């Protein structure tokens, strides 16, 4: 406009209905978590005589009881969960990065057909594959071992799909060609150029796979028979089975459930800085 007068752009208004829906969804997701954390502090008498979100007085007794139950069996289950989820998620993320990078940046015969099979694998429920996986691992003598839970967790079709998308957008082809001209081998290019560029995406794949393995119940339930190899999910299920005839175990089940979600919360808080960096980079590019 003439005279140097500029109009202010109107600020986008947040729809009240959308805000209300998000608020209701947040409450729906958070209330059970809050109740588990609060109920873990209640003694058996407080747990069964009243229902409230007020903290109880039995937290330390519950922690002591679950720590001594079965000679510390609960913490053995926790260590098993860390092994299954940590090692499985790391191996799965690395394999997904290698496969996704190859599908994104290399041209070879049958690439799209292979990628189509991977996408089809995303649509197959895990329950459909559990029994065939058990039969295959039983044939080679691995059923009932740590490997029977780790190996099926390594291949993640959805992780491969995400890594292909991340590699296509985050890894410039010019950088790869320049490295090849300088005499770098493919493994060195992948380790020193591709992986750093895909860090934010790989963090997402790692977290999704870690949470999936940590919360997995069906696969360990089918594969394992030795309680010393149980993860937390299966161990807490055995608590529930025993608690049907012993109400004193219910506080242990609740405090065990509360403890089992703490590593996931801590991992999310630690890794969220990578997402913030990714969002900031995207804003600067825009």
Protein backbone atom coordinates (compact mmCIF):
# COMPACT_ATOMS: atom_id res chain seq x y z
CA UNK A 1 0.00 0.00 0.00
CA UNK A 2 1.03 3.63 -0.50
CA UNK A 3 2.46 5.61 2.37
CA UNK A 4 4.45 2.69 3.71
CA UNK A 5 1.46 1.26 5.62
CA UNK A 6 1.65 -2.47 6.04
CA UNK A 7 -1.10 -4.75 7.15
CA UNK A 8 -0.52 -7.23 9.88
CA UNK A 9 -1.14 -10.78 8.96
CA UNK A 10 -3.92 -12.21 11.15
CA UNK A 11 -2.74 -14.84 13.57
CA UNK A 12 -4.15 -18.28 12.97
CA UNK A 13 -6.86 -19.08 15.49
CA UNK A 14 -6.90 -22.42 17.23
CA UNK A 15 -10.22 -24.16 16.81
CA UNK A 16 -11.83 -24.71 20.23
CA UNK A 17 -13.21 -28.08 19.16
CA UNK A 18 -9.75 -29.34 18.11
CA UNK A 19 -8.26 -28.14 21.40
CA UNK A 20 -11.01 -29.89 23.35
CA UNK A 21 -10.51 -33.14 21.44
CA UNK A 22 -6.74 -33.05 22.08
CA UNK A 23 -7.33 -32.29 25.76
CA UNK A 24 -9.75 -35.18 26.15
CA UNK A 25 -7.32 -37.50 24.36
CA UNK A 26 -4.45 -36.41 26.61
CA UNK A 27 -6.54 -37.00 29.74
CA UNK A 28 -7.65 -40.40 28.44
CA UNK A 29 -4.02 -41.45 27.91
CA UNK A 30 -2.51 -39.94 31.05
CA UNK A 31 -5.09 -40.78 33.72
CA UNK A 32 -4.32 -44.55 33.75
CA UNK A 33 -0.59 -43.82 33.97
CA UNK A 34 -1.12 -41.39 36.84
CA UNK A 35 -3.34 -43.88 38.66
CA UNK A 36 -0.75 -46.66 38.34
CA UNK A 37 1.95 -44.38 39.74
CA UNK A 38 -0.30 -43.33 42.63
CA UNK A 39 -1.64 -46.83 43.32
CA UNK A 40 1.91 -48.18 43.53
CA UNK A 41 2.31 -46.17 46.74
CA UNK A 42 -0.73 -47.73 48.43
CA UNK A 43 -0.70 -50.58 50.91
CA UNK A 44 -3.08 -53.53 50.37
CA UNK A 45 -5.56 -52.07 52.85
CA UNK A 46 -5.51 -48.64 51.19
CA UNK A 47 -5.79 -50.18 47.74
CA UNK A 48 -8.92 -52.23 48.43
CA UNK A 49 -10.81 -50.04 50.91
CA UNK A 50 -11.00 -46.81 48.89
CA UNK A 51 -10.39 -45.41 45.41
CA UNK A 52 -8.62 -42.07 45.20
CA UNK A 53 -5.72 -40.37 43.49
CA UNK A 54 -4.17 -39.45 46.83
CA UNK A 55 -0.73 -41.03 47.43
CA UNK A 56 -0.62 -43.89 49.91
CA UNK A 57 1.82 -44.87 52.63
CA UNK A 58 3.03 -48.25 51.36
CA UNK A 59 5.47 -47.32 48.57
CA UNK A 60 8.67 -48.36 50.33
CA UNK A 61 7.10 -51.56 51.66
CA UNK A 62 5.90 -52.44 48.15
CA UNK A 63 9.37 -51.80 46.70
CA UNK A 64 10.97 -53.92 49.40
CA UNK A 65 8.48 -56.73 48.86
CA UNK A 66 8.90 -56.83 45.10
CA UNK A 67 12.69 -56.67 45.44
CA UNK A 68 12.77 -59.70 47.75
CA UNK A 69 10.04 -61.71 46.03
CA UNK A 70 11.50 -64.87 44.53
CA UNK A 71 15.06 -63.86 45.49
CA UNK A 72 14.91 -60.70 43.40
CA UNK A 73 13.28 -62.34 40.40
CA UNK A 74 11.56 -59.12 39.34
CA UNK A 75 14.88 -57.33 38.79
CA UNK A 76 16.11 -60.31 36.78
CA UNK A 77 13.08 -59.83 34.54
CA UNK A 78 13.95 -56.16 34.29
CA UNK A 79 17.51 -56.99 33.20
CA UNK A 80 16.13 -59.41 30.62
CA UNK A 81 13.85 -56.66 29.26
CA UNK A 82 16.83 -54.31 28.97
CA UNK A 83 18.75 -56.98 27.05
CA UNK A 84 15.87 -57.84 24.73
CA UNK A 85 14.83 -54.24 24.06
CA UNK A 86 18.28 -52.62 24.08
CA UNK A 87 20.19 -55.15 22.00
CA UNK A 88 17.21 -55.90 19.77
CA UNK A 89 16.47 -52.23 19.07
CA UNK A 90 20.12 -51.41 18.35
CA UNK A 91 20.52 -54.35 15.96
CA UNK A 92 17.18 -53.64 14.32
CA UNK A 93 18.01 -49.95 13.84
CA UNK A 94 21.37 -50.74 12.27
CA UNK A 95 19.87 -53.34 9.94
CA UNK A 96 17.01 -51.01 9.03
CA UNK A 97 19.48 -48.20 8.29
CA UNK A 98 21.55 -50.41 6.01
CA UNK A 99 18.52 -51.79 4.16
CA UNK A 100 16.77 -48.42 3.90
CA UNK A 101 19.92 -46.71 2.63
CA UNK A 102 20.47 -49.43 0.01
CA UNK A 103 16.86 -49.23 -1.19
CA UNK A 104 17.03 -45.43 -1.38
CA UNK A 105 20.44 -44.83 -2.99
CA UNK A 106 21.32 -47.95 -4.99
CA UNK A 107 19.68 -48.98 -8.23
CA UNK A 108 19.46 -52.73 -8.78
CA UNK A 109 17.15 -55.17 -10.47
CA UNK A 110 14.09 -56.04 -8.37
CA UNK A 111 14.48 -53.12 -5.97
CA UNK A 112 10.85 -52.02 -6.17
CA UNK A 113 9.60 -55.59 -5.94
CA UNK A 114 11.70 -56.13 -2.81
CA UNK A 115 10.41 -52.89 -1.33
CA UNK A 116 6.86 -54.04 -2.09
CA UNK A 117 7.44 -57.23 -0.08
CA UNK A 118 8.78 -55.12 2.80
CA UNK A 119 5.66 -52.94 2.72
CA UNK A 120 3.54 -56.08 2.72
CA UNK A 121 5.43 -57.20 5.83
CA UNK A 122 4.30 -54.02 7.59
CA UNK A 123 0.70 -55.13 7.13
CA UNK A 124 1.21 -58.62 8.59
CA UNK A 125 0.29 -58.80 12.32
CA UNK A 126 2.96 -60.20 14.61
CA UNK A 127 0.58 -62.84 15.94
CA UNK A 128 0.46 -64.44 12.47
CA UNK A 129 4.26 -64.91 12.44
CA UNK A 130 4.73 -65.99 16.06
CA UNK A 131 3.96 -69.69 15.60
CA UNK A 132 6.02 -70.11 12.37
CA UNK A 133 8.92 -68.32 14.05
CA UNK A 134 8.72 -70.69 17.01
CA UNK A 135 8.70 -73.74 14.72
CA UNK A 136 11.71 -72.46 12.76
CA UNK A 137 13.73 -71.63 15.89
CA UNK A 138 12.77 -74.96 17.48
CA UNK A 139 14.21 -76.72 14.41
CA UNK A 140 17.61 -75.14 15.00
CA UNK A 141 17.49 -75.59 18.77
CA UNK A 142 17.09 -71.91 19.72
CA UNK A 143 13.56 -72.01 21.14
CA UNK A 144 13.56 -71.16 24.83
CA UNK A 145 16.81 -69.17 24.64
CA UNK A 146 17.51 -65.44 24.59
CA UNK A 147 18.04 -65.70 20.83
CA UNK A 148 14.45 -66.83 20.32
CA UNK A 149 13.27 -63.38 21.44
CA UNK A 150 16.15 -61.34 20.00
CA UNK A 151 16.33 -62.71 16.45
CA UNK A 152 12.66 -62.13 15.44
CA UNK A 153 12.96 -58.56 16.79
CA UNK A 154 15.89 -57.63 14.55
CA UNK A 155 13.96 -57.50 11.26
CA UNK A 156 11.51 -54.60 11.34
CA UNK A 157 9.77 -53.87 8.00
CA UNK A 158 8.35 -50.57 9.25
CA UNK A 159 11.82 -49.49 10.40
CA UNK A 160 13.23 -50.29 6.95
CA UNK A 161 10.46 -48.25 5.34
CA UNK A 162 11.18 -45.27 7.60
CA UNK A 163 14.93 -45.50 6.98
CA UNK A 164 14.40 -45.51 3.23
CA UNK A 165 12.35 -42.31 3.54
CA UNK A 166 14.97 -40.73 5.82
CA UNK A 167 17.82 -41.72 3.50
CA UNK A 168 16.05 -40.27 0.47
CA UNK A 169 15.53 -36.90 2.15
CA UNK A 170 18.57 -36.54 4.44
CA UNK A 171 21.43 -38.03 2.39
CA UNK A 172 22.37 -36.01 -0.73
CA UNK A 173 23.50 -38.13 -3.65
CA UNK A 174 26.18 -35.53 -4.43
CA UNK A 175 27.87 -36.19 -1.08
CA UNK A 176 28.02 -39.92 -1.82
CA UNK A 177 29.45 -39.36 -5.29
CA UNK A 178 32.08 -36.96 -3.92
CA UNK A 179 33.14 -39.52 -1.33
CA UNK A 180 33.44 -42.24 -3.97
CA UNK A 181 35.56 -39.93 -6.13
CA UNK A 182 37.86 -39.44 -3.11
CA UNK A 183 38.31 -43.21 -2.91
CA UNK A 184 36.07 -44.04 0.07
CA UNK A 185 34.64 -47.54 0.23
CA UNK A 186 30.93 -48.16 0.67
CA UNK A 187 31.23 -49.26 4.29
CA UNK A 188 33.23 -46.16 5.17
CA UNK A 189 30.71 -43.94 3.39
CA UNK A 190 27.89 -45.58 5.30
CA UNK A 191 29.63 -45.28 8.69
CA UNK A 192 31.05 -41.76 8.37
CA UNK A 193 28.58 -39.97 6.09
CA UNK A 194 25.23 -41.75 5.96
CA UNK A 195 24.75 -42.62 9.64
CA UNK A 196 25.47 -39.08 10.95
CA UNK A 197 23.08 -37.60 8.40
CA UNK A 198 20.32 -40.04 9.41
CA UNK A 199 20.76 -39.62 13.16
CA UNK A 200 17.38 -38.02 13.85
CA UNK A 201 15.55 -40.63 11.82
CA UNK A 202 17.46 -43.50 13.40
CA UNK A 203 16.57 -42.21 16.86
CA UNK A 204 12.91 -42.45 15.90
CA UNK A 205 13.33 -46.00 14.59
CA UNK A 206 15.28 -47.01 17.71
CA UNK A 207 12.67 -45.61 20.09
CA UNK A 208 9.75 -47.22 18.26
CA UNK A 209 11.49 -50.57 18.19
CA UNK A 210 12.64 -50.31 21.82
CA UNK A 211 9.10 -49.58 23.01
CA UNK A 212 7.70 -52.36 20.83
CA UNK A 213 10.12 -54.97 22.16
CA UNK A 214 9.83 -53.73 25.75
CA UNK A 215 6.04 -54.07 25.68
CA UNK A 216 6.02 -57.30 23.66
CA UNK A 217 4.17 -60.10 25.40
CA UNK A 218 3.14 -62.64 22.77
CA UNK A 219 6.59 -63.55 21.42
CA UNK A 220 8.22 -64.24 24.84
CA UNK A 221 5.05 -66.05 25.94
CA UNK A 222 5.38 -68.48 23.02
CA UNK A 223 9.17 -68.79 22.99
CA UNK A 224 10.13 -68.99 26.66
CA UNK A 225 9.40 -71.55 29.35
CA UNK A 226 12.14 -70.68 31.86
CA UNK A 227 11.01 -67.94 34.25
CA UNK A 228 14.59 -66.73 34.66
CA UNK A 229 14.49 -65.63 30.99
CA UNK A 230 11.14 -63.84 31.22
CA UNK A 231 10.94 -60.12 30.39
CA UNK A 232 8.94 -57.81 32.65
CA UNK A 233 5.74 -58.17 30.64
CA UNK A 234 5.66 -61.94 30.99
CA UNK A 235 6.86 -61.80 34.60
CA UNK A 236 4.05 -59.44 35.57
CA UNK A 237 1.60 -61.76 33.81
CA UNK A 238 2.81 -64.62 36.00
CA UNK A 239 2.21 -62.34 39.01
CA UNK A 240 -1.36 -61.78 37.85
CA UNK A 241 -1.92 -65.54 37.47
CA UNK A 242 -0.69 -66.12 41.03
CA UNK A 243 -2.52 -63.05 42.36
CA UNK A 244 -5.91 -64.57 41.49
CA UNK A 245 -5.68 -66.48 44.76
CA UNK A 246 -3.50 -64.07 46.75
CA UNK A 247 -4.64 -60.44 46.99
CA UNK A 248 -1.36 -59.47 48.69
CA UNK A 249 0.30 -59.75 45.27
CA UNK A 250 -1.82 -57.01 43.72
CA UNK A 251 0.27 -54.15 45.18
CA UNK A 252 3.37 -55.90 43.80
CA UNK A 253 1.76 -56.15 40.37
CA UNK A 254 0.92 -52.44 40.40
CA UNK A 255 4.33 -51.28 41.63
CA UNK A 256 5.96 -53.58 39.08
CA UNK A 257 3.83 -52.04 36.33
CA UNK A 258 4.83 -48.55 37.50
CA UNK A 259 8.52 -49.48 37.48
CA UNK A 260 8.20 -50.98 33.99
CA UNK A 261 7.08 -47.67 32.43
CA UNK A 262 9.81 -45.56 34.05
CA UNK A 263 12.57 -46.62 31.60
CA UNK A 264 10.33 -45.69 28.66
CA UNK A 265 9.64 -42.25 30.12
CA UNK A 266 13.36 -41.72 30.81
CA UNK A 267 14.30 -42.83 27.29
CA UNK A 268 11.77 -40.46 25.75
CA UNK A 269 13.08 -37.53 27.80
CA UNK A 270 16.69 -38.32 26.86
CA UNK A 271 16.05 -38.74 23.13
CA UNK A 272 13.60 -35.90 22.58
CA UNK A 273 16.47 -33.43 22.03
CA UNK A 274 17.19 -35.18 18.72
CA UNK A 275 13.63 -34.48 17.57
CA UNK A 276 13.94 -30.87 18.64
CA UNK A 277 17.14 -30.56 16.61
CA UNK A 278 15.40 -32.14 13.63
CA UNK A 279 12.43 -29.75 13.87
CA UNK A 280 14.78 -26.76 14.20
CA UNK A 281 16.73 -27.87 11.13
CA UNK A 282 13.52 -28.26 9.18
CA UNK A 283 12.39 -24.79 10.22
CA UNK A 284 15.68 -23.25 9.12
CA UNK A 285 15.50 -25.02 5.76
CA UNK A 286 12.01 -23.69 5.25
